[in-house]
């Protein structure tokens, strides 16, 4: 995270592009009125005798949300013929009024009377979430010792295989609004206490992602181009996704990664030569290193600075390894071509670092299948990062966490976890009187309903910024998440 002021964006060019893509996906479906148009605007008047089609309940459909913390939101609804002018008969399994109780829906807005399922079947998935949280510095805070934050995320995925018959292609658009205040601070703590917090003015309104993705060669190669959150592709560890401290999402030794709130335009490609391994490479606008807030830029402002951010990662994935399942390990490196100032005051052309991630499920309840179909169980994960100690304060970092998905009998959707992150500081950074900071976080995530969650979270920061003379910082956060 950097301390540059985030400016209010000008969204004209990117919003226009998003609107054009959306209209194009509707207009090109067919030379005549399409099934998707019928779902959105109602059926066309019949010009010839029609045949009635019966309707049956649909199976649950999983809808992927955006990265922030990046989790899947289930959506369930009734299957409906797009040309049937009569409403679908409501039954006990549909997520609409008269069907399942509202508290049992997987999303707050349900299936929209069958329209949501109709859109999905025709290649358009609409999703969203809202995160609201309140933090209080029980010990170690200064200035305003409590604050609220909010992050609204609305996104749409276009399946080009269904819309254009372009197998393996998709377009993703993601809008974000966030307001995280500017009065709360724990100045002694180096590691940011919230992964949705913002520097500077603490407010954004932007199209955070707008990309096109295509699979090639029987899904061996995947290419993505556009405005991308790099942390959704590199250095991401799903087992640590429930934690609030930013270090669990991206190592603090990689402060130039183009991720929330500053995704950037670029391209990445991943090769999957076999089921158990992958290799990825990404090339992005690296202007963030020069203080440019790339999150609110459209394509016309591409490469406002002169820097390029490059990253690569290779890893292994195994469904099962002895008693473990969902095993994954990756090693990555990154490089920025920007010119940066060292602690000694010299100018340095380029800086980089390395990182590693690993995770595995070490226990799962009896009857639970592979991690690809169900994540219930106990997960452990680790991470490390190293970078140039002459340029960045966080020279080395090691993190370890354990997370339980499904906690007690009847609480399959609840979660809990403990995470520890240790940061070793560069001697030239002049932070405190010591050399390291240790942060411990623990949380319990309560699924009040499938679409509404409450997460009490505690963080303890020992030797904040390496200063052993400062009291341990203790921060309590209550986070509420609503899935639309």
Protein backbone atom coordinates (compact mmCIF):
# COMPACT_ATOMS: atom_id res chain seq x y z
CA UNK A 1 0.00 0.00 0.00
CA UNK A 2 1.33 3.45 -0.67
CA UNK A 3 0.50 6.76 0.94
CA UNK A 4 -0.44 8.64 -2.21
CA UNK A 5 -3.76 10.45 -2.25
CA UNK A 6 -6.43 8.62 -4.23
CA UNK A 7 -8.15 10.99 -6.60
CA UNK A 8 -11.75 10.75 -7.66
CA UNK A 9 -11.75 9.02 -11.06
CA UNK A 10 -13.05 10.07 -14.41
CA UNK A 11 -14.88 7.01 -15.69
CA UNK A 12 -15.98 8.15 -19.11
CA UNK A 13 -13.81 6.06 -21.39
CA UNK A 14 -13.94 2.84 -19.36
CA UNK A 15 -17.66 3.05 -18.62
CA UNK A 16 -18.34 3.68 -22.31
CA UNK A 17 -16.32 0.60 -23.17
CA UNK A 18 -18.22 -1.49 -20.61
CA UNK A 19 -21.57 -0.25 -21.96
CA UNK A 20 -20.52 -1.03 -25.52
CA UNK A 21 -19.47 -4.56 -24.55
CA UNK A 22 -22.78 -5.12 -22.75
CA UNK A 23 -24.85 -3.89 -25.69
CA UNK A 24 -22.75 -5.83 -28.13
CA UNK A 25 -23.33 -9.06 -26.26
CA UNK A 26 -27.08 -8.52 -26.58
CA UNK A 27 -27.17 -7.35 -30.18
CA UNK A 28 -25.06 -10.10 -31.71
CA UNK A 29 -26.88 -13.06 -30.21
CA UNK A 30 -29.06 -13.51 -33.29
CA UNK A 31 -30.33 -11.50 -36.25
CA UNK A 32 -33.79 -11.77 -34.71
CA UNK A 33 -34.88 -11.25 -31.12
CA UNK A 34 -32.68 -13.42 -28.84
CA UNK A 35 -33.47 -15.58 -25.84
CA UNK A 36 -31.40 -13.27 -23.65
CA UNK A 37 -33.39 -10.27 -24.83
CA UNK A 38 -36.60 -12.09 -23.91
CA UNK A 39 -35.28 -12.66 -20.38
CA UNK A 40 -34.33 -9.02 -19.99
CA UNK A 41 -37.23 -7.28 -21.74
CA UNK A 42 -40.03 -9.84 -21.90
CA UNK A 43 -41.03 -12.21 -24.70
CA UNK A 44 -41.88 -11.06 -28.19
CA UNK A 45 -45.47 -11.34 -29.38
CA UNK A 46 -45.93 -14.71 -31.12
CA UNK A 47 -46.36 -14.59 -34.90
CA UNK A 48 -47.16 -18.27 -35.32
CA UNK A 49 -48.71 -21.05 -33.23
CA UNK A 50 -46.43 -21.97 -30.36
CA UNK A 51 -45.78 -25.18 -28.46
CA UNK A 52 -45.98 -25.07 -24.68
CA UNK A 53 -42.81 -26.21 -22.90
CA UNK A 54 -42.87 -27.69 -19.40
CA UNK A 55 -40.70 -26.23 -16.68
CA UNK A 56 -38.67 -28.17 -14.12
CA UNK A 57 -36.63 -27.08 -11.08
CA UNK A 58 -32.97 -26.31 -11.73
CA UNK A 59 -29.97 -27.52 -9.80
CA UNK A 60 -28.03 -24.98 -7.71
CA UNK A 61 -25.66 -22.82 -9.74
CA UNK A 62 -22.39 -21.40 -8.38
CA UNK A 63 -21.60 -17.78 -9.24
CA UNK A 64 -18.03 -16.50 -8.73
CA UNK A 65 -17.62 -13.06 -7.08
CA UNK A 66 -14.64 -10.63 -7.52
CA UNK A 67 -11.35 -10.70 -5.62
CA UNK A 68 -11.40 -8.91 -2.35
CA UNK A 69 -11.11 -10.92 -0.45
CA UNK A 70 -12.02 -13.40 -3.68
CA UNK A 71 -14.90 -16.08 -2.47
CA UNK A 72 -17.67 -17.97 -4.30
CA UNK A 73 -21.31 -16.99 -3.83
CA UNK A 74 -23.95 -19.67 -4.60
CA UNK A 75 -27.05 -18.74 -6.57
CA UNK A 76 -30.10 -20.99 -6.82
CA UNK A 77 -33.26 -20.58 -8.86
CA UNK A 78 -35.95 -22.17 -11.02
CA UNK A 79 -35.29 -22.98 -14.67
CA UNK A 80 -37.54 -21.00 -17.02
CA UNK A 81 -38.04 -21.15 -20.77
CA UNK A 82 -36.93 -17.72 -22.00
CA UNK A 83 -39.88 -17.44 -24.40
CA UNK A 84 -42.58 -18.54 -21.97
CA UNK A 85 -44.74 -15.47 -21.25
CA UNK A 86 -46.18 -16.96 -18.07
CA UNK A 87 -44.35 -16.80 -14.70
CA UNK A 88 -42.70 -19.96 -13.46
CA UNK A 89 -44.74 -21.84 -10.91
CA UNK A 90 -43.11 -21.23 -7.52
CA UNK A 91 -42.08 -24.37 -5.65
CA UNK A 92 -40.29 -25.21 -2.42
CA UNK A 93 -36.84 -25.29 -4.06
CA UNK A 94 -36.82 -21.90 -5.81
CA UNK A 95 -35.23 -18.85 -4.23
CA UNK A 96 -38.07 -16.42 -4.66
CA UNK A 97 -41.08 -15.26 -2.70
CA UNK A 98 -43.44 -18.15 -2.17
CA UNK A 99 -40.58 -20.66 -2.44
CA UNK A 100 -37.73 -21.09 0.01
CA UNK A 101 -37.74 -18.84 3.10
CA UNK A 102 -35.65 -15.70 2.54
CA UNK A 103 -33.23 -16.80 5.27
CA UNK A 104 -32.37 -19.91 3.23
CA UNK A 105 -31.57 -18.14 -0.04
CA UNK A 106 -27.95 -18.21 -1.12
CA UNK A 107 -28.08 -14.56 -2.21
CA UNK A 108 -30.05 -11.68 -0.72
CA UNK A 109 -31.85 -10.90 -3.99
CA UNK A 110 -32.63 -14.51 -4.87
CA UNK A 111 -33.39 -15.74 -8.38
CA UNK A 112 -35.40 -12.68 -9.48
CA UNK A 113 -38.45 -14.80 -10.26
CA UNK A 114 -36.39 -17.07 -12.53
CA UNK A 115 -34.77 -14.23 -14.50
CA UNK A 116 -31.37 -14.77 -12.89
CA UNK A 117 -31.25 -18.40 -13.91
CA UNK A 118 -32.43 -17.41 -17.38
CA UNK A 119 -29.57 -14.95 -17.70
CA UNK A 120 -27.02 -17.53 -16.53
CA UNK A 121 -28.30 -20.07 -19.02
CA UNK A 122 -27.83 -17.47 -21.75
CA UNK A 123 -24.32 -16.55 -20.67
CA UNK A 124 -24.73 -13.56 -18.33
CA UNK A 125 -23.90 -13.90 -14.63
CA UNK A 126 -24.61 -10.91 -12.40
CA UNK A 127 -23.15 -10.94 -8.88
CA UNK A 128 -22.17 -8.60 -6.10
CA UNK A 129 -21.40 -8.10 -2.45
CA UNK A 130 -21.11 -5.41 0.20
CA UNK A 131 -18.59 -5.42 3.04
CA UNK A 132 -19.22 -3.17 6.04
CA UNK A 133 -16.87 -3.13 9.00
CA UNK A 134 -16.15 -1.23 12.20
CA UNK A 135 -12.73 -1.21 13.88
CA UNK A 136 -11.71 -0.10 17.36
CA UNK A 137 -8.17 0.29 18.65
CA UNK A 138 -8.49 -1.22 22.11
CA UNK A 139 -4.82 -0.51 22.71
CA UNK A 140 -2.16 1.23 20.64
CA UNK A 141 -4.32 3.54 18.54
CA UNK A 142 -3.92 7.29 18.22
CA UNK A 143 -6.11 10.06 16.91
CA UNK A 144 -9.61 8.74 16.18
CA UNK A 145 -9.57 5.27 17.72
CA UNK A 146 -12.53 3.78 15.81
CA UNK A 147 -13.91 4.02 12.30
CA UNK A 148 -16.22 2.38 9.79
CA UNK A 149 -15.46 1.14 6.28
CA UNK A 150 -17.58 -0.02 3.36
CA UNK A 151 -16.79 -1.71 0.06
CA UNK A 152 -19.46 -2.29 -2.60
CA UNK A 153 -18.62 -4.65 -5.45
CA UNK A 154 -20.91 -5.28 -8.45
CA UNK A 155 -19.73 -7.44 -11.32
CA UNK A 156 -20.94 -9.16 -14.47
CA UNK A 157 -19.43 -12.10 -16.32
CA UNK A 158 -20.27 -12.76 -19.99
CA UNK A 159 -19.79 -16.38 -21.09
CA UNK A 160 -18.85 -15.96 -24.75
CA UNK A 161 -19.26 -19.67 -25.35
CA UNK A 162 -23.00 -19.31 -24.77
CA UNK A 163 -23.40 -15.85 -26.26
CA UNK A 164 -21.16 -16.02 -29.35
CA UNK A 165 -20.38 -19.74 -29.47
CA UNK A 166 -16.77 -18.76 -28.68
CA UNK A 167 -15.70 -21.71 -26.57
CA UNK A 168 -13.49 -20.85 -23.59
CA UNK A 169 -13.99 -17.08 -23.86
CA UNK A 170 -15.35 -14.71 -21.21
CA UNK A 171 -15.56 -11.00 -20.42
CA UNK A 172 -15.59 -9.67 -16.86
CA UNK A 173 -16.59 -6.17 -15.66
CA UNK A 174 -16.24 -5.15 -12.01
CA UNK A 175 -17.44 -1.91 -10.40
CA UNK A 176 -16.27 -0.93 -6.92
CA UNK A 177 -17.16 1.84 -4.51
CA UNK A 178 -15.31 2.12 -1.20
CA UNK A 179 -15.23 4.62 1.64
CA UNK A 180 -12.91 3.70 4.48
CA UNK A 181 -12.57 7.01 6.35
CA UNK A 182 -9.39 8.87 7.15
CA UNK A 183 -9.39 9.41 10.91
CA UNK A 184 -8.53 5.95 12.30
CA UNK A 185 -4.88 5.00 12.62
CA UNK A 186 -2.61 2.60 14.42
CA UNK A 187 0.61 4.36 13.45
CA UNK A 188 2.85 1.97 15.35
CA UNK A 189 1.65 -1.07 13.34
CA UNK A 190 3.34 -1.55 9.98
CA UNK A 191 1.04 -4.22 8.52
CA UNK A 192 -2.38 -2.80 7.44
CA UNK A 193 -5.15 -4.10 9.69
CA UNK A 194 -7.81 -4.28 6.93
CA UNK A 195 -7.61 -5.56 3.36
CA UNK A 196 -10.30 -3.08 2.24
CA UNK A 197 -8.70 -0.01 3.84
CA UNK A 198 -7.59 2.81 1.55
CA UNK A 199 -4.73 5.29 1.84
CA UNK A 200 -5.08 9.02 1.37
CA UNK A 201 -8.66 10.28 1.06
CA UNK A 202 -10.04 6.79 1.73
CA UNK A 203 -12.60 6.81 -1.10
CA UNK A 204 -12.84 5.25 -4.59
CA UNK A 205 -15.52 4.96 -7.28
CA UNK A 206 -14.16 3.03 -10.25
CA UNK A 207 -14.33 0.21 -12.75
CA UNK A 208 -11.70 -1.91 -11.04
CA UNK A 209 -11.53 -4.71 -13.58
CA UNK A 210 -12.47 -5.04 -17.25
CA UNK A 211 -10.86 -7.97 -19.00
CA UNK A 212 -11.25 -10.59 -21.70
CA UNK A 213 -10.12 -14.15 -21.04
CA UNK A 214 -9.66 -17.01 -23.50
CA UNK A 215 -8.70 -20.66 -23.14
CA UNK A 216 -6.80 -22.36 -25.95
CA UNK A 217 -5.61 -25.83 -26.94
CA UNK A 218 -8.02 -27.93 -24.87
CA UNK A 219 -7.65 -25.56 -21.90
CA UNK A 220 -3.87 -25.98 -21.75
CA UNK A 221 -3.32 -22.23 -22.25
CA UNK A 222 -5.28 -19.39 -20.60
CA UNK A 223 -4.75 -15.76 -21.64
CA UNK A 224 -6.28 -12.69 -19.97
CA UNK A 225 -5.97 -9.11 -21.25
CA UNK A 226 -7.42 -5.85 -19.93
CA UNK A 227 -7.60 -4.19 -16.52
CA UNK A 228 -6.66 -6.94 -14.07
CA UNK A 229 -6.22 -7.44 -10.33
CA UNK A 230 -2.85 -9.22 -10.35
CA UNK A 231 -3.38 -10.71 -6.86
CA UNK A 232 -6.28 -12.75 -8.24
CA UNK A 233 -3.68 -14.49 -10.43
CA UNK A 234 -0.38 -14.37 -8.53
CA UNK A 235 0.47 -14.98 -4.87
CA UNK A 236 -3.13 -15.74 -3.92
CA UNK A 237 -3.79 -18.38 -1.24
CA UNK A 238 -7.49 -19.33 -0.86
CA UNK A 239 -6.90 -20.91 2.56
CA UNK A 240 -5.96 -17.45 3.91
CA UNK A 241 -8.86 -15.60 2.24
CA UNK A 242 -10.87 -15.32 5.46
CA UNK A 243 -8.34 -13.16 7.25
CA UNK A 244 -8.69 -9.37 7.34
CA UNK A 245 -5.06 -8.25 7.73
CA UNK A 246 -3.62 -7.31 4.34
CA UNK A 247 -0.50 -9.46 4.79
CA UNK A 248 -2.61 -12.61 4.43
CA UNK A 249 -3.65 -11.51 0.94
CA UNK A 250 -0.33 -10.23 -0.43
CA UNK A 251 3.07 -10.25 1.22
CA UNK A 252 4.17 -6.77 2.37
CA UNK A 253 7.48 -7.37 0.59
CA UNK A 254 5.63 -6.88 -2.72
CA UNK A 255 4.16 -3.36 -2.31
CA UNK A 256 4.08 -2.60 -6.06
CA UNK A 257 1.71 -5.40 -7.10
CA UNK A 258 -1.23 -3.92 -9.09
CA UNK A 259 -4.07 -5.08 -6.84
CA UNK A 260 -6.95 -3.47 -4.90
CA UNK A 261 -7.39 -0.54 -4.85
CA UNK A 262 -5.06 -0.17 -7.84
CA UNK A 263 -5.49 -2.92 -10.44
CA UNK A 264 -3.82 -2.07 -13.73
CA UNK A 265 -4.03 -2.75 -17.44
CA UNK A 266 -1.92 -5.62 -18.67
CA UNK A 267 -1.85 -9.20 -19.88
CA UNK A 268 -1.15 -12.53 -18.22
CA UNK A 269 -0.88 -16.06 -19.56
CA UNK A 270 -0.99 -19.39 -17.72
CA UNK A 271 0.14 -22.72 -19.13
CA UNK A 272 -1.20 -26.00 -17.71
CA UNK A 273 1.01 -28.74 -19.25
CA UNK A 274 -0.53 -31.33 -16.93
CA UNK A 275 -3.21 -31.52 -14.26
CA UNK A 276 -0.67 -31.21 -11.45
CA UNK A 277 1.37 -28.17 -12.55
CA UNK A 278 1.08 -24.63 -13.91
CA UNK A 279 3.30 -21.77 -15.06
CA UNK A 280 2.12 -18.15 -15.31
CA UNK A 281 3.54 -14.83 -16.48
CA UNK A 282 2.09 -11.32 -16.19
CA UNK A 283 3.02 -7.93 -17.64
CA UNK A 284 1.23 -4.86 -16.22
CA UNK A 285 1.29 -1.08 -16.15
CA UNK A 286 3.76 -0.37 -13.33
CA UNK A 287 2.93 3.30 -12.85
CA UNK A 288 1.93 2.67 -9.23
CA UNK A 289 5.63 2.70 -8.35
CA UNK A 290 5.70 6.34 -9.49
CA UNK A 291 2.67 7.36 -7.43
CA UNK A 292 0.06 7.00 -10.19
CA UNK A 293 -3.25 5.59 -8.90
CA UNK A 294 -3.92 3.02 -11.64
CA UNK A 295 -7.20 1.86 -10.09
CA UNK A 296 -9.15 4.84 -11.44
CA UNK A 297 -7.53 4.92 -14.88
CA UNK A 298 -9.22 3.96 -18.13
CA UNK A 299 -7.46 2.64 -21.24
CA UNK A 300 -6.80 6.16 -22.59
CA UNK A 301 -4.50 6.78 -19.60
CA UNK A 302 -2.57 3.55 -20.06
CA UNK A 303 1.01 3.75 -18.82
CA UNK A 304 0.73 7.27 -17.36
CA UNK A 305 4.11 6.57 -15.81
CA UNK A 306 7.16 4.90 -17.32
CA UNK A 307 7.30 1.71 -15.26
CA UNK A 308 6.41 -1.87 -16.13
CA UNK A 309 5.54 -4.48 -13.51
CA UNK A 310 6.39 -8.09 -14.43
CA UNK A 311 5.71 -11.23 -12.44
CA UNK A 312 5.86 -14.99 -12.90
CA UNK A 313 4.78 -17.99 -10.85
CA UNK A 314 5.14 -21.77 -11.17
CA UNK A 315 3.43 -24.31 -8.97
CA UNK A 316 2.18 -27.81 -8.28
CA UNK A 317 -1.39 -28.84 -7.42
CA UNK A 318 -2.54 -32.25 -6.21
CA UNK A 319 -6.03 -33.41 -5.34
CA UNK A 320 -4.61 -35.83 -2.78
CA UNK A 321 -1.17 -36.36 -1.24
CA UNK A 322 -1.20 -39.01 1.47
CA UNK A 323 -3.58 -37.81 4.20
CA UNK A 324 -3.75 -34.31 2.70
CA UNK A 325 -6.06 -32.98 -0.02
CA UNK A 326 -6.26 -29.79 -2.07
CA UNK A 327 -2.47 -29.50 -1.95
CA UNK A 328 -0.87 -26.54 -3.74
CA UNK A 329 2.61 -24.98 -3.67
CA UNK A 330 3.91 -22.10 -5.76
CA UNK A 331 7.08 -20.07 -6.17
CA UNK A 332 7.08 -16.65 -7.82
CA UNK A 333 9.18 -13.62 -8.64
CA UNK A 334 8.45 -10.02 -9.63
CA UNK A 335 10.31 -7.05 -11.11
CA UNK A 336 9.49 -3.35 -11.53
CA UNK A 337 11.40 -1.32 -14.11
CA UNK A 338 10.61 2.00 -12.37
CA UNK A 339 13.32 4.21 -10.95
CA UNK A 340 13.15 4.27 -7.16
CA UNK A 341 15.02 6.08 -4.40
CA UNK A 342 17.05 3.98 -1.97
CA UNK A 343 17.32 4.63 1.77
CA UNK A 344 20.75 6.12 1.15
CA UNK A 345 19.24 8.68 -1.24
CA UNK A 346 20.54 7.18 -4.49
CA UNK A 347 18.40 6.51 -7.56
CA UNK A 348 18.03 2.84 -8.51
CA UNK A 349 16.74 1.53 -11.84
CA UNK A 350 14.48 -1.42 -11.13
CA UNK A 351 13.69 -3.51 -8.08
CA UNK A 352 12.28 -6.98 -7.53
CA UNK A 353 11.63 -9.80 -5.15
CA UNK A 354 10.58 -13.42 -4.71
CA UNK A 355 7.70 -15.09 -2.87
CA UNK A 356 6.31 -18.52 -2.09
CA UNK A 357 2.90 -19.90 -1.13
CA UNK A 358 1.63 -23.30 0.00
CA UNK A 359 -1.65 -24.72 1.31
CA UNK A 360 -3.30 -28.06 2.05
CA UNK A 361 -6.37 -29.46 3.76
CA UNK A 362 -5.13 -31.63 6.62
CA UNK A 363 -8.52 -32.83 7.86
CA UNK A 364 -11.99 -33.15 6.40
CA UNK A 365 -15.26 -34.50 7.83
CA UNK A 366 -16.28 -38.00 6.89
CA UNK A 367 -18.04 -38.07 3.54
CA UNK A 368 -16.59 -34.77 2.27
CA UNK A 369 -15.13 -35.07 -1.23
CA UNK A 370 -12.25 -33.39 -3.04
CA UNK A 371 -11.39 -29.77 -2.32
CA UNK A 372 -12.57 -28.82 -5.82
CA UNK A 373 -16.16 -29.73 -4.87
CA UNK A 374 -16.24 -28.86 -1.14
CA UNK A 375 -13.79 -26.88 1.01
CA UNK A 376 -15.09 -28.07 4.40
CA UNK A 377 -12.31 -29.10 6.75
CA UNK A 378 -9.13 -27.79 8.37
CA UNK A 379 -6.68 -25.98 6.09
CA UNK A 380 -3.14 -24.84 6.76
CA UNK A 381 -1.20 -22.38 4.62
CA UNK A 382 2.15 -20.63 4.58
CA UNK A 383 3.80 -17.79 2.67
CA UNK A 384 7.10 -15.96 2.47
CA UNK A 385 8.48 -12.93 0.64
CA UNK A 386 11.85 -11.26 0.15
CA UNK A 387 12.83 -8.02 -1.57
CA UNK A 388 15.56 -5.37 -1.79
CA UNK A 389 16.33 -4.11 1.72
CA UNK A 390 17.85 -0.97 0.28
CA UNK A 391 14.52 0.22 -1.15
CA UNK A 392 11.65 -1.22 0.88
CA UNK A 393 11.14 -1.28 4.65
CA UNK A 394 9.70 -4.82 4.71
CA UNK A 395 12.70 -6.80 3.53
CA UNK A 396 11.46 -10.28 4.53
CA UNK A 397 8.14 -11.75 5.62
CA UNK A 398 6.92 -15.14 6.76
CA UNK A 399 3.25 -15.94 7.36
CA UNK A 400 1.40 -19.03 8.55
CA UNK A 401 -2.30 -19.65 9.08
CA UNK A 402 -4.84 -22.33 9.92
CA UNK A 403 -8.48 -21.99 8.89
CA UNK A 404 -11.48 -24.19 9.62
CA UNK A 405 -14.32 -24.26 7.09
CA UNK A 406 -17.41 -25.64 8.81
CA UNK A 407 -16.92 -25.43 12.55
CA UNK A 408 -19.54 -27.38 14.51
CA UNK A 409 -22.42 -29.73 13.85
CA UNK A 410 -25.08 -27.75 11.99
CA UNK A 411 -22.64 -24.86 11.33
CA UNK A 412 -21.27 -26.03 7.97
CA UNK A 413 -21.06 -22.45 6.62
CA UNK A 414 -19.22 -20.96 9.61
CA UNK A 415 -15.48 -20.46 9.61
CA UNK A 416 -12.64 -19.72 12.03
CA UNK A 417 -8.94 -19.10 11.75
CA UNK A 418 -5.62 -18.05 13.27
CA UNK A 419 -2.86 -16.31 11.29
CA UNK A 420 0.65 -15.15 12.24
CA UNK A 421 2.76 -12.79 10.12
CA UNK A 422 6.36 -11.87 10.93
CA UNK A 423 8.06 -8.98 9.09
CA UNK A 424 11.80 -8.31 9.15
CA UNK A 425 12.65 -4.66 8.56
CA UNK A 426 15.53 -3.20 6.58
CA UNK A 427 18.12 -1.50 8.75
CA UNK A 428 18.02 1.63 6.60
CA UNK A 429 14.28 2.11 7.19
CA UNK A 430 14.92 3.43 10.72
CA UNK A 431 11.77 1.81 12.13
CA UNK A 432 11.68 1.52 15.92
CA UNK A 433 14.58 0.17 17.93
CA UNK A 434 14.30 -3.43 16.76
CA UNK A 435 14.25 -5.32 13.51
CA UNK A 436 10.87 -7.02 13.23
CA UNK A 437 7.11 -6.93 13.89
CA UNK A 438 4.81 -9.85 14.64
CA UNK A 439 1.06 -9.74 13.99
CA UNK A 440 -1.40 -12.38 15.24
CA UNK A 441 -5.00 -12.47 13.99
CA UNK A 442 -7.93 -14.67 14.96
CA UNK A 443 -11.54 -14.61 13.77
CA UNK A 444 -14.84 -16.47 13.83
CA UNK A 445 -17.07 -16.07 10.78
CA UNK A 446 -20.78 -16.57 11.55
CA UNK A 447 -23.12 -17.40 8.67
CA UNK A 448 -26.31 -15.77 9.95
CA UNK A 449 -27.86 -16.79 6.63
CA UNK A 450 -26.12 -18.12 3.50
CA UNK A 451 -26.04 -14.54 2.18
CA UNK A 452 -25.31 -12.59 5.40
CA UNK A 453 -22.18 -13.11 7.48
CA UNK A 454 -20.77 -11.50 10.67
CA UNK A 455 -17.08 -11.82 11.48
CA UNK A 456 -15.62 -10.69 14.85
CA UNK A 457 -11.86 -10.31 14.38
CA UNK A 458 -8.99 -9.59 16.80
CA UNK A 459 -5.46 -8.54 15.85
CA UNK A 460 -2.43 -8.24 18.14
CA UNK A 461 0.67 -6.45 16.90
CA UNK A 462 3.82 -7.15 18.92
CA UNK A 463 6.80 -4.78 18.69
CA UNK A 464 4.90 -2.55 16.23
CA UNK A 465 7.24 -1.41 13.42
CA UNK A 466 10.08 -3.10 15.31
CA UNK A 467 9.76 -0.84 18.36
CA UNK A 468 9.88 -2.89 21.56
CA UNK A 469 9.23 0.21 23.68
CA UNK A 470 5.70 0.63 22.24
CA UNK A 471 2.76 -1.21 23.80
CA UNK A 472 1.27 -4.09 21.86
CA UNK A 473 -1.44 -2.83 19.52
CA UNK A 474 -4.81 -4.56 19.95
CA UNK A 475 -7.49 -3.98 17.30
CA UNK A 476 -11.02 -5.36 17.23
CA UNK A 477 -12.96 -5.40 13.96
CA UNK A 478 -16.53 -6.49 13.28
CA UNK A 479 -17.11 -7.19 9.58
CA UNK A 480 -20.50 -7.80 7.95
CA UNK A 481 -20.72 -9.21 4.42
CA UNK A 482 -23.86 -9.35 2.28
CA UNK A 483 -23.94 -11.34 -0.96
CA UNK A 484 -26.38 -10.03 -3.55
